[in-house]
Amino acid sequence: MPIAQRNKRKMPERDPARDKAREMWLASGGTLSCASIAKALEIPFGRVTGWKQRDKWNDYDRLTFMFGHFETAPEIRDAVRARLRAFPDVCQKAKTATGEEAIALECEINIIKSALTAIKDDPYYHVVRDLYLHGRRLWDIVADAELSSKRNYQEQASRLIDTLALRLYGVVAQWNLTNNS
């Protein structure tokens, strides 16, 4: 057998369950346990935890590297903005809610807080906070800063909305909605 043929070994194909496991985890916003994923895919728990470590699922910033620049579907952006605008009312309503409604509201509050915590250290976090949680106008925010243009603030707010979309809805929703349009 010639040397060229001996050196051309077939690489083993990537287990499709590996990608499915990551998609399930991302779609859950990182809340689904490895045990739940393993059970759903009918594979060993250790395999899922190994994939999670090797592929660095917790490193959300790697997603841009792994999948290239992704565009968040307009429907998802609108949904993120709506959830952020509704957040103060949800917090207020949770104070008087009881039973299942209280549980649902607490869940939504925890999800939004978790997503906002992920972007809190960003220098433009205040733009998202002021626009959507406090209802300020973009011009007022730009006037207070006296440093940047409105376009820059719009771009930064969109970037952070995309990051929140990834946290709230997962990359699967973005792929599906983006690729179907």
Protein backbone atom coordinates (compact mmCIF):
# COMPACT_ATOMS: atom_id res chain seq x y z
CA MET A 1 0.00 0.00 0.00
CA PRO A 2 1.45 3.42 -0.96
CA ILE A 3 2.39 5.79 1.85
CA ALA A 4 -0.15 8.40 0.70
CA GLN A 5 -3.00 5.93 1.16
CA ARG A 6 -1.76 4.77 4.57
CA ASN A 7 -1.64 8.37 5.84
CA LYS A 8 -5.22 9.07 4.73
CA ARG A 9 -7.06 7.63 7.68
CA LYS A 10 -10.71 8.35 7.97
CA MET A 11 -11.48 10.59 10.88
CA PRO A 12 -14.28 9.17 12.98
CA GLU A 13 -17.52 11.02 12.37
CA ARG A 14 -18.69 13.35 15.09
CA ASP A 15 -21.49 11.85 17.13
CA PRO A 16 -24.67 13.77 16.17
CA ALA A 17 -25.85 13.36 19.76
CA ARG A 18 -22.96 15.64 20.78
CA ASP A 19 -24.40 18.55 18.80
CA LYS A 20 -27.95 17.70 19.85
CA ALA A 21 -26.87 17.71 23.52
CA ARG A 22 -25.27 21.15 23.16
CA GLU A 23 -28.34 22.49 21.35
CA MET A 24 -30.61 21.22 24.13
CA TRP A 25 -28.42 22.86 26.76
CA LEU A 26 -28.25 26.17 24.89
CA ALA A 27 -31.99 26.19 24.19
CA SER A 28 -32.58 25.86 27.92
CA GLY A 29 -30.42 28.92 28.57
CA GLY A 30 -27.84 26.74 30.27
CA THR A 31 -30.22 25.46 32.91
CA LEU A 32 -30.71 21.88 31.71
CA SER A 33 -28.55 19.42 33.65
CA CYS A 34 -26.20 16.95 32.00
CA ALA A 35 -28.18 14.14 33.62
CA SER A 36 -31.41 15.36 32.00
CA ILE A 37 -29.74 15.66 28.61
CA ALA A 38 -28.19 12.18 28.93
CA LYS A 39 -31.55 10.68 29.87
CA ALA A 40 -33.35 12.41 26.99
CA LEU A 41 -30.75 11.26 24.45
CA GLU A 42 -30.40 7.82 26.07
CA ILE A 43 -26.61 8.10 26.40
CA PRO A 44 -24.28 7.82 29.40
CA PHE A 45 -24.16 10.79 31.77
CA GLY A 46 -20.33 10.85 31.68
CA ARG A 47 -20.31 11.32 27.93
CA VAL A 48 -22.44 14.47 28.19
CA THR A 49 -20.31 15.96 30.97
CA GLY A 50 -17.19 15.20 28.92
CA TRP A 51 -18.63 16.96 25.89
CA LYS A 52 -19.68 19.91 28.04
CA GLN A 53 -16.13 20.30 29.37
CA ARG A 54 -14.29 19.71 26.06
CA ASP A 55 -16.58 21.96 24.03
CA LYS A 56 -16.71 24.60 26.78
CA TRP A 57 -20.48 25.00 26.75
CA ASN A 58 -20.31 27.54 29.57
CA ASP A 59 -18.19 29.88 27.46
CA TYR A 60 -20.94 31.85 25.67
CA ASP A 61 -18.38 34.16 24.09
CA ARG A 62 -17.03 31.17 22.12
CA LEU A 63 -20.34 30.86 20.30
CA THR A 64 -19.43 33.65 17.91
CA PHE A 65 -16.16 31.85 17.19
CA MET A 66 -17.82 28.44 16.78
CA PHE A 67 -20.72 29.53 14.58
CA GLY A 68 -19.42 32.75 13.04
CA HIS A 69 -21.30 36.00 13.40
CA PHE A 70 -24.93 35.08 13.80
CA GLU A 71 -27.86 37.32 13.16
CA THR A 72 -30.63 37.22 15.67
CA ALA A 73 -34.02 36.90 14.03
CA PRO A 74 -36.08 40.11 14.26
CA GLU A 75 -38.88 38.20 16.02
CA ILE A 76 -36.45 37.13 18.73
CA ARG A 77 -35.08 40.67 19.17
CA ASP A 78 -38.63 41.97 19.50
CA ALA A 79 -39.43 39.27 22.05
CA VAL A 80 -36.33 40.18 24.11
CA ARG A 81 -37.24 43.86 24.05
CA ALA A 82 -40.83 43.09 25.05
CA ARG A 83 -39.68 40.91 27.97
CA LEU A 84 -37.30 43.65 29.15
CA ARG A 85 -39.97 46.34 28.91
CA ALA A 86 -42.41 44.13 30.82
CA PHE A 87 -39.85 43.25 33.50
CA PRO A 88 -40.66 46.13 35.94
CA ASP A 89 -44.38 45.24 35.75
CA VAL A 90 -43.60 41.55 36.26
CA CYS A 91 -41.60 42.41 39.40
CA GLN A 92 -44.44 44.57 40.71
CA LYS A 93 -47.08 41.94 39.95
CA ALA A 94 -45.00 39.22 41.64
CA LYS A 95 -45.29 41.06 44.95
CA THR A 96 -49.02 40.38 45.16
CA ALA A 97 -49.30 37.16 43.13
CA THR A 98 -50.12 33.84 44.75
CA GLY A 99 -50.00 30.17 43.81
CA GLU A 100 -48.98 29.12 40.31
CA GLU A 101 -48.96 32.70 39.07
CA ALA A 102 -46.40 33.64 41.72
CA ILE A 103 -44.22 30.69 40.75
CA ALA A 104 -44.38 31.60 37.04
CA LEU A 105 -43.56 35.24 37.74
CA GLU A 106 -40.63 34.32 40.01
CA CYS A 107 -39.31 32.03 37.28
CA GLU A 108 -39.47 34.84 34.70
CA ILE A 109 -37.78 37.25 37.12
CA ASN A 110 -34.93 34.81 37.75
CA ILE A 111 -34.45 34.14 34.04
CA ILE A 112 -34.29 37.85 33.15
CA LYS A 113 -32.01 38.64 36.10
CA SER A 114 -29.67 35.83 35.08
CA ALA A 115 -29.50 37.11 31.49
CA LEU A 116 -28.92 40.71 32.63
CA THR A 117 -26.17 39.58 35.01
CA ALA A 118 -24.33 38.13 32.01
CA ILE A 119 -24.05 41.58 30.39
CA LYS A 120 -23.77 43.70 33.54
CA ASP A 121 -20.01 44.27 33.14
CA ASP A 122 -20.37 45.51 29.57
CA PRO A 123 -19.59 49.25 29.26
CA TYR A 124 -22.89 49.75 27.39
CA TYR A 125 -25.08 47.82 29.84
CA HIS A 126 -26.58 51.11 31.03
CA VAL A 127 -28.01 51.71 27.54
CA VAL A 128 -30.08 48.53 27.68
CA ARG A 129 -31.04 49.18 31.31
CA ASP A 130 -32.13 52.75 30.61
CA LEU A 131 -33.90 52.03 27.30
CA TYR A 132 -35.88 48.97 28.27
CA LEU A 133 -36.09 48.82 32.06
CA HIS A 134 -36.42 52.55 32.73
CA GLY A 135 -38.18 53.57 29.50
CA ARG A 136 -35.78 56.38 28.61
CA ARG A 137 -35.35 57.59 25.05
CA LEU A 138 -32.11 56.93 23.19
CA TRP A 139 -31.55 60.65 22.57
CA ASP A 140 -31.66 61.35 26.31
CA ILE A 141 -29.09 58.62 26.98
CA VAL A 142 -26.78 59.95 24.25
CA ALA A 143 -27.17 63.52 25.52
CA ASP A 144 -26.17 62.43 29.02
CA ALA A 145 -23.03 60.72 27.71
CA GLU A 146 -21.94 63.63 25.46
CA LEU A 147 -19.30 61.32 23.98
CA SER A 148 -20.78 59.08 21.32
CA SER A 149 -23.19 59.22 18.47
CA LYS A 150 -26.72 57.87 18.51
CA ARG A 151 -25.69 55.29 15.89
CA ASN A 152 -22.97 53.90 18.15
CA TYR A 153 -25.43 53.54 21.02
CA GLN A 154 -27.96 51.84 18.74
CA GLU A 155 -25.30 49.38 17.54
CA GLN A 156 -24.18 48.63 21.10
CA ALA A 157 -27.76 48.18 22.29
CA SER A 158 -28.43 45.78 19.38
CA ARG A 159 -25.29 43.83 20.21
CA LEU A 160 -26.41 43.43 23.81
CA ILE A 161 -29.95 42.50 22.74
CA ASP A 162 -28.39 39.74 20.60
CA THR A 163 -26.42 38.53 23.63
CA LEU A 164 -29.58 38.53 25.74
CA ALA A 165 -31.44 36.67 22.97
CA LEU A 166 -28.80 33.98 23.12
CA ARG A 167 -29.19 33.75 26.89
CA LEU A 168 -32.98 33.80 26.87
CA TYR A 169 -33.83 31.75 23.79
CA GLY A 170 -30.66 29.86 22.91
CA VAL A 171 -28.84 29.64 19.64
CA VAL A 172 -31.24 27.04 18.23
CA ALA A 173 -34.11 29.52 17.97
CA GLN A 174 -31.80 32.00 16.27
CA TRP A 175 -30.62 29.47 13.68
CA ASN A 176 -34.09 28.17 12.91
CA LEU A 177 -35.75 31.56 12.60
CA THR A 178 -32.84 33.12 10.74
CA ASN A 179 -32.46 30.28 8.25
CA ASN A 180 -36.19 30.06 7.51
CA SER A 181 -36.57 33.69 6.55
